Amino acid sequence: MGRILAIDYGRRRCGIAVTDTLQLIAGGLTTVATHELMQFLQNYVATEQVDMIVVGLPKQLNGQPSESMKYITPFVNRLKKMMPHMSVTMYDERFTSTLAHQAMIAGGMKKSDRRDKARVDAIAATIILTDYLESKRNNTTL
């Protein structure tokens, strides 16, 4: 069994999280500049067995896609074209940045460290992946 990789896609940088090989635990991997993301993914998939990529699906409170979908949709299309053998799915990412900030506070992180947006993105990707894994375990609708 391979890993599941999650992406919190942003216009400037993307948070990346992965599971262990048993797909039980999600952990933050890194943050990558958006313009370097495709190359990073190609390199990572070449060295690690990845079964699936989960991309955060930005939605508004009313469930409608957010404005940032106009950036994410072309990325997902390129990703599917670049890696046709890879399963790529999107998963709701509402509130992940807020939850990431709350987790940083709860973990006792200094205010100066909480301002590091790269950390927030990596934690948000971990939250997306954790939520995805939990939904799989509970067989809820993806």
Protein backbone atom coordinates (compact mmCIF):
# COMPACT_ATOMS: atom_id res chain seq x y z
CA MET A 1 0.00 0.00 0.00
CA GLY A 2 1.26 3.47 -0.81
CA ARG A 3 0.83 6.85 0.76
CA ILE A 4 -1.96 9.35 0.26
CA LEU A 5 -0.68 12.87 -0.40
CA ALA A 6 -2.79 15.96 0.28
CA ILE A 7 -2.37 19.46 -1.11
CA ASP A 8 -3.67 22.70 0.35
CA TYR A 9 -3.38 24.65 -2.90
CA GLY A 10 -2.64 28.37 -2.78
CA ARG A 11 -1.71 30.96 -5.37
CA ARG A 12 1.75 31.51 -3.81
CA ARG A 13 2.47 28.32 -1.91
CA CYS A 14 0.95 24.93 -1.26
CA GLY A 15 0.94 22.93 1.94
CA ILE A 16 1.73 19.24 1.50
CA ALA A 17 0.82 16.40 3.86
CA VAL A 18 1.19 12.63 3.51
CA THR A 19 0.07 9.50 5.26
CA ASP A 20 2.23 6.68 6.45
CA THR A 21 2.37 3.66 4.13
CA LEU A 22 -0.55 2.02 5.95
CA GLN A 23 -2.64 5.15 5.33
CA LEU A 24 -3.48 5.50 9.00
CA ILE A 25 -1.79 8.72 10.12
CA ALA A 26 -1.46 12.06 8.34
CA GLY A 27 1.51 14.32 8.88
CA GLY A 28 2.71 17.59 7.44
CA LEU A 29 5.47 17.13 4.90
CA THR A 30 6.43 20.58 3.62
CA THR A 31 5.32 23.74 1.90
CA VAL A 32 6.18 24.30 -1.75
CA ALA A 33 6.03 27.43 -3.89
CA THR A 34 3.09 26.97 -6.25
CA HIS A 35 5.22 27.45 -9.36
CA GLU A 36 7.42 24.54 -8.16
CA LEU A 37 4.57 22.22 -7.17
CA MET A 38 4.38 20.06 -10.30
CA GLN A 39 8.12 19.37 -10.24
CA PHE A 40 7.95 18.59 -6.50
CA LEU A 41 5.10 16.13 -7.08
CA GLN A 42 6.92 14.40 -9.94
CA ASN A 43 10.03 14.01 -7.79
CA TYR A 44 8.10 12.82 -4.74
CA VAL A 45 6.05 10.26 -6.67
CA ALA A 46 9.24 8.99 -8.31
CA THR A 47 10.80 8.23 -4.92
CA GLU A 48 7.76 7.31 -2.79
CA GLN A 49 4.84 5.05 -3.56
CA VAL A 50 1.75 7.27 -3.66
CA ASP A 51 -1.67 5.73 -4.26
CA MET A 52 -3.74 8.90 -4.31
CA ILE A 53 -3.57 12.67 -4.24
CA VAL A 54 -6.22 14.65 -2.36
CA VAL A 55 -6.56 18.32 -3.25
CA GLY A 56 -8.39 20.70 -0.96
CA LEU A 57 -11.74 21.76 -2.41
CA PRO A 58 -12.46 25.35 -1.38
CA LYS A 59 -16.12 25.98 -0.67
CA GLN A 60 -18.04 28.90 0.72
CA LEU A 61 -20.22 28.52 3.81
CA ASN A 62 -23.25 27.87 1.61
CA GLY A 63 -21.49 24.92 -0.05
CA GLN A 64 -20.84 26.69 -3.35
CA PRO A 65 -17.30 26.60 -4.81
CA SER A 66 -15.20 29.58 -3.75
CA GLU A 67 -13.50 32.10 -6.01
CA SER A 68 -10.20 30.23 -5.79
CA MET A 69 -11.63 27.31 -7.80
CA LYS A 70 -10.60 29.21 -10.93
CA TYR A 71 -6.97 28.53 -9.94
CA ILE A 72 -7.41 25.03 -8.55
CA THR A 73 -9.40 23.52 -11.42
CA PRO A 74 -6.63 24.11 -14.02
CA PHE A 75 -4.07 22.71 -11.58
CA VAL A 76 -6.11 19.54 -10.98
CA ASN A 77 -6.59 19.11 -14.74
CA ARG A 78 -2.81 19.45 -15.33
CA LEU A 79 -2.11 17.03 -12.49
CA LYS A 80 -4.47 14.40 -13.92
CA LYS A 81 -2.88 14.83 -17.34
CA MET A 82 0.66 14.64 -15.95
CA MET A 83 -0.11 11.58 -13.79
CA PRO A 84 -2.89 9.65 -15.56
CA HIS A 85 -2.17 6.55 -13.46
CA MET A 86 -2.74 8.47 -10.21
CA SER A 87 -6.09 8.76 -8.49
CA VAL A 88 -6.77 12.45 -7.83
CA THR A 89 -9.73 13.55 -5.73
CA MET A 90 -10.88 16.79 -4.15
CA TYR A 91 -12.01 17.07 -0.55
CA ASP A 92 -13.74 19.90 1.31
CA GLU A 93 -11.24 22.25 2.92
CA ARG A 94 -13.59 24.69 4.63
CA PHE A 95 -12.19 26.06 7.90
CA THR A 96 -8.83 24.29 7.59
CA SER A 97 -6.82 27.51 7.92
CA THR A 98 -8.85 28.50 10.98
CA LEU A 99 -8.38 25.04 12.48
CA ALA A 100 -4.66 25.22 11.71
CA HIS A 101 -4.37 28.50 13.64
CA GLN A 102 -6.33 27.03 16.54
CA ALA A 103 -4.08 23.96 16.58
CA MET A 104 -1.01 26.19 16.67
CA ILE A 105 -2.42 28.14 19.62
CA ALA A 106 -3.46 24.96 21.43
CA GLY A 107 0.03 23.57 20.87
CA GLY A 108 1.56 26.57 22.58
CA MET A 109 3.24 27.96 19.49
CA LYS A 110 4.61 31.48 19.85
CA LYS A 111 2.71 34.27 18.13
CA SER A 112 5.69 35.02 15.88
CA ASP A 113 5.75 31.38 14.72
CA ARG A 114 1.98 31.41 14.11
CA ARG A 115 2.48 34.23 11.59
CA ASP A 116 4.48 31.87 9.37
CA LYS A 117 1.96 31.21 6.60
CA ALA A 118 3.97 28.26 5.32
CA ARG A 119 3.39 26.47 8.62
CA VAL A 120 -0.31 27.26 8.45
CA ASP A 121 -0.47 25.79 4.92
CA ALA A 122 1.30 22.56 5.92
CA ILE A 123 -0.97 22.17 8.94
CA ALA A 124 -4.05 22.91 6.79
CA ALA A 125 -2.96 20.16 4.37
CA THR A 126 -2.63 17.79 7.32
CA ILE A 127 -6.14 18.68 8.46
CA ILE A 128 -7.53 18.07 4.95
CA LEU A 129 -5.83 14.68 4.86
CA THR A 130 -6.89 13.73 8.39
CA ASP A 131 -10.50 14.65 7.60
CA TYR A 132 -10.33 12.66 4.36
CA LEU A 133 -8.99 9.59 6.17
CA GLU A 134 -11.67 9.90 8.82
CA SER A 135 -14.40 10.12 6.18
CA LYS A 136 -13.01 6.97 4.54
CA ARG A 137 -13.03 5.12 7.86
CA ASN A 138 -16.60 6.19 8.51
CA ASN A 139 -17.66 5.54 4.89
CA THR A 140 -19.15 9.01 4.65
CA THR A 141 -19.71 10.75 1.35
CA LEU A 142 -16.52 12.19 -0.10
